[in-house]
C-alpha atoms as a PDB file:
ATOM      1  CA  MET A   1       0.070  -0.043   0.052  1.00  0.00           C
ATOM      2  CA  TYR A   2       2.580   2.356   1.221  1.00  0.00           C
ATOM      3  CA  PRO A   3       4.829   2.039  -1.842  1.00  0.00           C
ATOM      4  CA  ALA A   4       2.225   2.219  -4.368  1.00  0.00           C
ATOM      5  CA  LEU A   5       1.243   5.369  -2.871  1.00  0.00           C
ATOM      6  CA  ALA A   6       4.637   6.641  -2.606  1.00  0.00           C
ATOM      7  CA  ARG A   7       5.113   5.949  -6.286  1.00  0.00           C
ATOM      8  CA  LEU A   8       1.853   7.212  -7.198  1.00  0.00           C
ATOM      9  CA  VAL A   9       2.737  10.778  -5.248  1.00  0.00           C
ATOM     10  CA  GLU A  10       6.018  11.136  -7.058  1.00  0.00           C
ATOM     11  CA  ALA A  11       4.846  10.263 -10.609  1.00  0.00           C
ATOM     12  CA  LEU A  12       2.209  12.872 -10.320  1.00  0.00           C
ATOM     13  CA  GLY A  13       5.080  15.307  -9.733  1.00  0.00           C
ATOM     14  CA  PHE A  14       4.417  16.302  -6.010  1.00  0.00           C
ATOM     15  CA  SER A  15       7.775  17.361  -4.136  1.00  0.00           C
ATOM     16  CA  ALA A  16       7.118  15.780  -0.850  1.00  0.00           C
ATOM     17  CA  LEU A  17       5.466  13.041   0.889  1.00  0.00           C
ATOM     18  CA  SER A  18       4.394  13.602   4.879  1.00  0.00           C
ATOM     19  CA  ILE A  19       3.199  11.259   7.296  1.00  0.00           C
ATOM     20  CA  TYR A  20       1.189  12.623  10.028  1.00  0.00           C
ATOM     21  CA  ASN A  21       2.262  11.519  13.843  1.00  0.00           C
ATOM     22  CA  ASP A  22      -0.766  12.192  15.764  1.00  0.00           C
ATOM     23  CA  LEU A  23      -1.760  10.144  18.970  1.00  0.00           C
ATOM     24  CA  TRP A  24      -3.577   7.226  18.846  1.00  0.00           C
ATOM     25  CA  TYR A  25      -2.627   6.617  14.886  1.00  0.00           C
ATOM     26  CA  GLN A  26       0.045   4.320  13.476  1.00  0.00           C
ATOM     27  CA  PRO A  27       3.655   5.245  13.850  1.00  0.00           C
ATOM     28  CA  PRO A  28       4.914   7.240  10.957  1.00  0.00           C
ATOM     29  CA  LEU A  29       8.319   5.733  10.561  1.00  0.00           C
ATOM     30  CA  THR A  30       7.837   2.384   8.639  1.00  0.00           C
ATOM     31  CA  PRO A  31       5.618   3.971   6.249  1.00  0.00           C
ATOM     32  CA  LEU A  32       8.031   6.471   5.335  1.00  0.00           C
ATOM     33  CA  VAL A  33      10.899   3.803   4.834  1.00  0.00           C
ATOM     34  CA  LEU A  34       8.757   1.749   2.469  1.00  0.00           C
ATOM     35  CA  ALA A  35       8.111   4.878   0.663  1.00  0.00           C
ATOM     36  CA  ALA A  36      11.996   5.999   0.633  1.00  0.00           C
ATOM     37  CA  GLN A  37      12.403   2.307  -0.934  1.00  0.00           C
ATOM     38  CA  ALA A  38      10.176   2.790  -3.671  1.00  0.00           C
ATOM     39  CA  THR A  39      10.954   6.323  -4.926  1.00  0.00           C
ATOM     40  CA  SER A  40      13.893   8.413  -5.867  1.00  0.00           C
ATOM     41  CA  ARG A  41      13.056  11.991  -6.042  1.00  0.00           C
ATOM     42  CA  ILE A  42      10.425  12.991  -3.270  1.00  0.00           C
ATOM     43  CA  ARG A  43      11.364  14.428   0.348  1.00  0.00           C
ATOM     44  CA  LEU A  44       9.855  12.447   2.857  1.00  0.00           C
ATOM     45  CA  GLY A  45       9.224  13.467   6.755  1.00  0.00           C
ATOM     46  CA  VAL A  46       7.209  13.214   9.775  1.00  0.00           C
ATOM     47  CA  ALA A  47       4.530  16.147  10.316  1.00  0.00           C
ATOM     48  CA  SER A  48       5.043  16.077  13.350  1.00  0.00           C
ATOM     49  CA  TYR A  49       7.069  14.619  15.902  1.00  0.00           C
ATOM     50  CA  ASN A  50       6.474  16.260  19.280  1.00  0.00           C
ATOM     51  CA  PRO A  51       8.980  17.099  21.997  1.00  0.00           C
ATOM     52  CA  TRP A  52       7.180  15.366  24.548  1.00  0.00           C
ATOM     53  CA  LEU A  53       6.881  11.623  23.779  1.00  0.00           C
ATOM     54  CA  LEU A  54      10.339  10.927  22.399  1.00  0.00           C
ATOM     55  CA  HIS A  55      13.718  11.919  23.809  1.00  0.00           C
ATOM     56  CA  PRO A  56      15.643  13.923  21.356  1.00  0.00           C
ATOM     57  CA  VAL A  57      18.173  11.075  21.174  1.00  0.00           C
ATOM     58  CA  GLU A  58      15.332   8.624  19.724  1.00  0.00           C
ATOM     59  CA  LEU A  59      14.306  11.704  17.453  1.00  0.00           C
ATOM     60  CA  ALA A  60      17.725  12.268  16.273  1.00  0.00           C
ATOM     61  CA  GLY A  61      18.144   8.491  15.519  1.00  0.00           C
ATOM     62  CA  GLN A  62      15.096   8.073  13.563  1.00  0.00           C
ATOM     63  CA  ILE A  63      15.597  11.457  11.670  1.00  0.00           C
ATOM     64  CA  ALA A  64      18.768  10.142  11.089  1.00  0.00           C
ATOM     65  CA  GLN A  65      18.115   6.630   9.898  1.00  0.00           C
ATOM     66  CA  LEU A  66      15.107   8.048   7.530  1.00  0.00           C
ATOM     67  CA  ASP A  67      17.900  10.203   5.746  1.00  0.00           C
ATOM     68  CA  LEU A  68      20.102   7.490   5.250  1.00  0.00           C
ATOM     69  CA  ILE A  69      17.516   5.018   3.644  1.00  0.00           C
ATOM     70  CA  SER A  70      16.255   7.975   1.681  1.00  0.00           C
ATOM     71  CA  ASP A  71      19.739   8.912   0.382  1.00  0.00           C
ATOM     72  CA  GLY A  72      19.436  12.483   1.745  1.00  0.00           C
ATOM     73  CA  ARG A  73      15.681  12.998   1.190  1.00  0.00           C
ATOM     74  CA  ALA A  74      14.461  13.236   4.645  1.00  0.00           C
ATOM     75  CA  TYR A  75      13.046  16.088   6.531  1.00  0.00           C
ATOM     76  CA  TRP A  76      11.783  16.315  10.368  1.00  0.00           C
ATOM     77  CA  GLY A  77       8.565  17.741  11.608  1.00  0.00           C
ATOM     78  CA  LEU A  78       8.227  19.080  14.943  1.00  0.00           C
ATOM     79  CA  SER A  79       5.095  20.376  16.955  1.00  0.00           C
ATOM     80  CA  ARG A  80       3.670  20.888  20.333  1.00  0.00           C
ATOM     81  CA  GLY A  81       1.609  17.973  19.663  1.00  0.00           C
ATOM     82  CA  ALA A  82      -1.908  17.561  20.281  1.00  0.00           C
ATOM     83  CA  TRP A  83      -4.440  15.138  22.600  1.00  0.00           C
ATOM     84  CA  LEU A  84      -1.644  14.964  24.686  1.00  0.00           C
ATOM     85  CA  ASP A  85      -3.308  16.021  27.864  1.00  0.00           C
ATOM     86  CA  GLU A  86      -5.648  12.658  26.929  1.00  0.00           C
ATOM     87  CA  ILE A  87      -2.908  10.550  28.730  1.00  0.00           C
ATOM     88  CA  GLY A  88      -1.801  12.939  31.096  1.00  0.00           C
ATOM     89  CA  VAL A  89       1.360  14.719  29.438  1.00  0.00           C
ATOM     90  CA  ASP A  90       2.148  17.802  30.974  1.00  0.00           C
ATOM     91  CA  GLN A  91       2.921  20.328  28.220  1.00  0.00           C
ATOM     92  CA  GLN A  92       4.131  23.240  30.413  1.00  0.00           C
ATOM     93  CA  GLN A  93       6.733  25.817  28.821  1.00  0.00           C
ATOM     94  CA  PRO A  94       6.196  24.398  24.965  1.00  0.00           C
ATOM     95  CA  LEU A  95       8.345  26.897  23.168  1.00  0.00           C
ATOM     96  CA  ARG A  96      11.146  25.992  25.742  1.00  0.00           C
ATOM     97  CA  ARG A  97      10.501  22.623  25.083  1.00  0.00           C
ATOM     98  CA  LEU A  98      10.578  22.936  21.487  1.00  0.00           C
ATOM     99  CA  ARG A  99      13.750  24.948  21.260  1.00  0.00           C
ATOM    100  CA  GLU A 100      15.572  22.412  23.292  1.00  0.00           C
ATOM    101  CA  THR A 101      14.380  19.485  21.126  1.00  0.00           C
ATOM    102  CA  ILE A 102      15.752  21.322  18.178  1.00  0.00           C
ATOM    103  CA  ASP A 103      19.088  22.192  19.884  1.00  0.00           C
ATOM    104  CA  MET A 104      19.783  18.582  20.749  1.00  0.00           C
ATOM    105  CA  VAL A 105      18.278  16.907  17.791  1.00  0.00           C
ATOM    106  CA  GLU A 106      20.965  19.104  15.703  1.00  0.00           C
ATOM    107  CA  HIS A 107      23.514  18.706  18.054  1.00  0.00           C
ATOM    108  CA  LEU A 108      23.541  15.031  17.559  1.00  0.00           C
ATOM    109  CA  LEU A 109      23.126  15.004  13.953  1.00  0.00           C
ATOM    110  CA  ALA A 110      25.935  17.270  13.892  1.00  0.00           C
ATOM    111  CA  GLY A 111      28.273  14.949  15.749  1.00  0.00           C
ATOM    112  CA  LYS A 112      29.167  17.680  18.113  1.00  0.00           C
ATOM    113  CA  HIS A 113      30.763  16.541  21.445  1.00  0.00           C
ATOM    114  CA  ALA A 114      30.095  18.937  23.936  1.00  0.00           C
ATOM    115  CA  THR A 115      27.580  19.058  27.114  1.00  0.00           C
ATOM    116  CA  TYR A 116      24.123  20.416  26.372  1.00  0.00           C
ATOM    117  CA  ARG A 117      22.010  20.971  29.642  1.00  0.00           C
ATOM    118  CA  GLY A 118      18.104  21.350  28.980  1.00  0.00           C
ATOM    119  CA  THR A 119      15.304  21.766  31.280  1.00  0.00           C
ATOM    120  CA  ALA A 120      13.831  17.953  30.532  1.00  0.00           C
ATOM    121  CA  ALA A 121      17.069  16.289  29.023  1.00  0.00           C
ATOM    122  CA  ARG A 122      20.845  16.446  28.657  1.00  0.00           C
ATOM    123  CA  LEU A 123      23.598  15.347  26.641  1.00  0.00           C
ATOM    124  CA  GLU A 124      27.391  14.640  27.996  1.00  0.00           C
ATOM    125  CA  ALA A 125      30.206  15.447  25.915  1.00  0.00           C
ATOM    126  CA  ASN A 126      30.497  11.607  24.908  1.00  0.00           C
ATOM    127  CA  HIS A 127      26.843  11.421  24.128  1.00  0.00           C
ATOM    128  CA  ALA A 128      26.661  10.852  20.368  1.00  0.00           C
ATOM    129  CA  LEU A 129      24.780   8.854  17.678  1.00  0.00           C
ATOM    130  CA  ARG A 130      26.852   5.772  16.972  1.00  0.00           C
ATOM    131  CA  PHE A 131      26.217   5.432  13.220  1.00  0.00           C
ATOM    132  CA  GLN A 132      26.977   7.302  10.519  1.00  0.00           C
ATOM    133  CA  VAL A 133      24.363  10.382   9.426  1.00  0.00           C
ATOM    134  CA  GLN A 134      23.994  10.791   5.900  1.00  0.00           C
ATOM    135  CA  ARG A 135      23.623  14.594   6.483  1.00  0.00           C
ATOM    136  CA  GLN A 136      24.205  16.816   9.547  1.00  0.00           C
ATOM    137  CA  ASN A 137      21.740  19.051   8.621  1.00  0.00           C
ATOM    138  CA  VAL A 138      18.679  17.629   7.719  1.00  0.00           C
ATOM    139  CA  PRO A 139      15.927  20.136   7.047  1.00  0.00           C
ATOM    140  CA  LEU A 140      13.355  21.074   9.766  1.00  0.00           C
ATOM    141  CA  LEU A 141       9.542  21.952   9.515  1.00  0.00           C
ATOM    142  CA  ILE A 142       7.742  23.222  12.528  1.00  0.00           C
ATOM    143  CA  GLY A 143       3.758  22.985  12.720  1.00  0.00           C
ATOM    144  CA  SER A 144       2.038  25.751  14.561  1.00  0.00           C
ATOM    145  CA  TRP A 145      -0.890  28.173  14.114  1.00  0.00           C
ATOM    146  CA  GLY A 146       0.768  30.510  17.029  1.00  0.00           C
ATOM    147  CA  ARG A 147       2.778  33.357  16.720  1.00  0.00           C
ATOM    148  CA  ARG A 148       5.564  32.798  19.112  1.00  0.00           C
ATOM    149  CA  THR A 149       6.090  29.139  17.964  1.00  0.00           C
ATOM    150  CA  LEU A 150       6.460  30.513  14.122  1.00  0.00           C
ATOM    151  CA  ALA A 151       8.642  33.323  14.902  1.00  0.00           C
ATOM    152  CA  LEU A 152      10.732  30.125  16.276  1.00  0.00           C
ATOM    153  CA  ALA A 153      10.294  28.645  13.000  1.00  0.00           C
ATOM    154  CA  GLY A 154      11.679  31.639  11.533  1.00  0.00           C
ATOM    155  CA  GLU A 155      14.666  31.515  13.418  1.00  0.00           C
ATOM    156  CA  ARG A 156      15.256  27.701  13.016  1.00  0.00           C
ATOM    157  CA  ALA A 157      13.118  26.197  10.687  1.00  0.00           C
ATOM    158  CA  HIS A 158      13.331  25.488   6.664  1.00  0.00           C
ATOM    159  CA  GLU A 159       9.634  25.705   6.258  1.00  0.00           C
ATOM    160  CA  VAL A 160       6.376  25.910   8.481  1.00  0.00           C
ATOM    161  CA  LYS A 161       3.232  23.758   8.118  1.00  0.00           C
ATOM    162  CA  ILE A 162      -0.175  25.225   9.239  1.00  0.00           C
ATOM    163  CA  GLY A 163      -2.228  22.394   9.695  1.00  0.00           C
ATOM    164  CA  GLY A 164      -6.164  22.218   9.181  1.00  0.00           C
ATOM    165  CA  SER A 165      -6.439  25.276   6.855  1.00  0.00           C
ATOM    166  CA  THR A 166      -6.896  25.663   2.982  1.00  0.00           C
ATOM    167  CA  ASN A 167      -7.575  29.294   3.566  1.00  0.00           C
ATOM    168  CA  PRO A 168      -4.681  31.225   1.623  1.00  0.00           C
ATOM    169  CA  ASP A 169      -5.917  34.630   3.137  1.00  0.00           C
ATOM    170  CA  ILE A 170      -3.861  33.306   6.307  1.00  0.00           C
ATOM    171  CA  VAL A 171      -0.698  33.332   4.510  1.00  0.00           C
ATOM    172  CA  PRO A 172       0.298  36.913   4.903  1.00  0.00           C
ATOM    173  CA  LEU A 173      -0.272  36.802   8.472  1.00  0.00           C
ATOM    174  CA  ILE A 174       1.586  33.353   8.934  1.00  0.00           C
ATOM    175  CA  ALA A 175       4.468  35.115   6.945  1.00  0.00           C
ATOM    176  CA  GLY A 176       4.560  38.181   9.305  1.00  0.00           C
ATOM    177  CA  TRP A 177       5.257  35.930  12.191  1.00  0.00           C
ATOM    178  CA  VAL A 178       7.712  33.994  10.744  1.00  0.00           C
ATOM    179  CA  ALA A 179       9.373  36.926   9.297  1.00  0.00           C
ATOM    180  CA  GLU A 180       9.677  38.250  12.748  1.00  0.00           C
ATOM    181  CA  GLY A 181      11.797  35.164  14.003  1.00  0.00           C
ATOM    182  CA  ALA A 182      13.889  35.131  10.853  1.00  0.00           C
ATOM    183  CA  THR A 183      14.928  38.963  11.146  1.00  0.00           C
ATOM    184  CA  HIS A 184      15.742  38.573  14.717  1.00  0.00           C
ATOM    185  CA  ALA A 185      17.976  35.263  13.916  1.00  0.00           C
ATOM    186  CA  GLY A 186      19.341  37.185  10.863  1.00  0.00           C
ATOM    187  CA  ARG A 187      17.891  34.991   8.199  1.00  0.00           C
ATOM    188  CA  GLU A 188      16.103  35.896   5.045  1.00  0.00           C
ATOM    189  CA  PRO A 189      12.234  35.602   5.552  1.00  0.00           C
ATOM    190  CA  ALA A 190      11.720  34.518   1.847  1.00  0.00           C
ATOM    191  CA  GLU A 191      13.962  31.140   2.354  1.00  0.00           C
ATOM    192  CA  ILE A 192      11.547  29.701   4.856  1.00  0.00           C
ATOM    193  CA  GLY A 193       8.639  27.587   2.871  1.00  0.00           C
ATOM    194  CA  ILE A 194       4.924  27.805   4.228  1.00  0.00           C
ATOM    195  CA  CYS A 195       2.940  24.914   3.640  1.00  0.00           C
ATOM    196  CA  LEU A 196      -0.989  24.921   4.243  1.00  0.00           C
ATOM    197  CA  GLY A 197      -2.326  21.465   5.126  1.00  0.00           C
ATOM    198  CA  ALA A 198      -5.860  20.577   5.077  1.00  0.00           C
ATOM    199  CA  VAL A 199      -7.329  18.096   7.558  1.00  0.00           C
END
């Protein structure tokens, strides 16, 4: 099923295939691996992980593995997550948690050997992925509707995804919030893609 769907997506000229990672649904990594094996051009990624259910070490490993299997076509999505309150996950300080998760995943993918202390997790100088990564800078997609998270996306992400909307009138507002973060980080706002996703 997944290989055939991925081949169709690629044949129709789409540039990427995302598989969501919402609570209660099938985990996305296996379908993406199957899609990677069946295609040669499209980008592949999870849209999106959340910073609460997987440790950044596990996230970095999954991202690196998909990037290796797809020969450098992976991206990774990150958002604050949905429905986590139903299982008792305390989502306090979500912006800090998102930022620290990005820091740690990028730290691991880049092969840095330095201590990192976050509020929820840490890495010691000897902590590193123990396999070769395809790319040290796998593109990041941040999913959000919120101004502060979209500003963070402007600072750190390659693109943003606005889920649950096909209204093009929202794009200028979203682009403005992304531009705030990009400008603060010395980035060119036009370099950050914006994707609207219908649900």
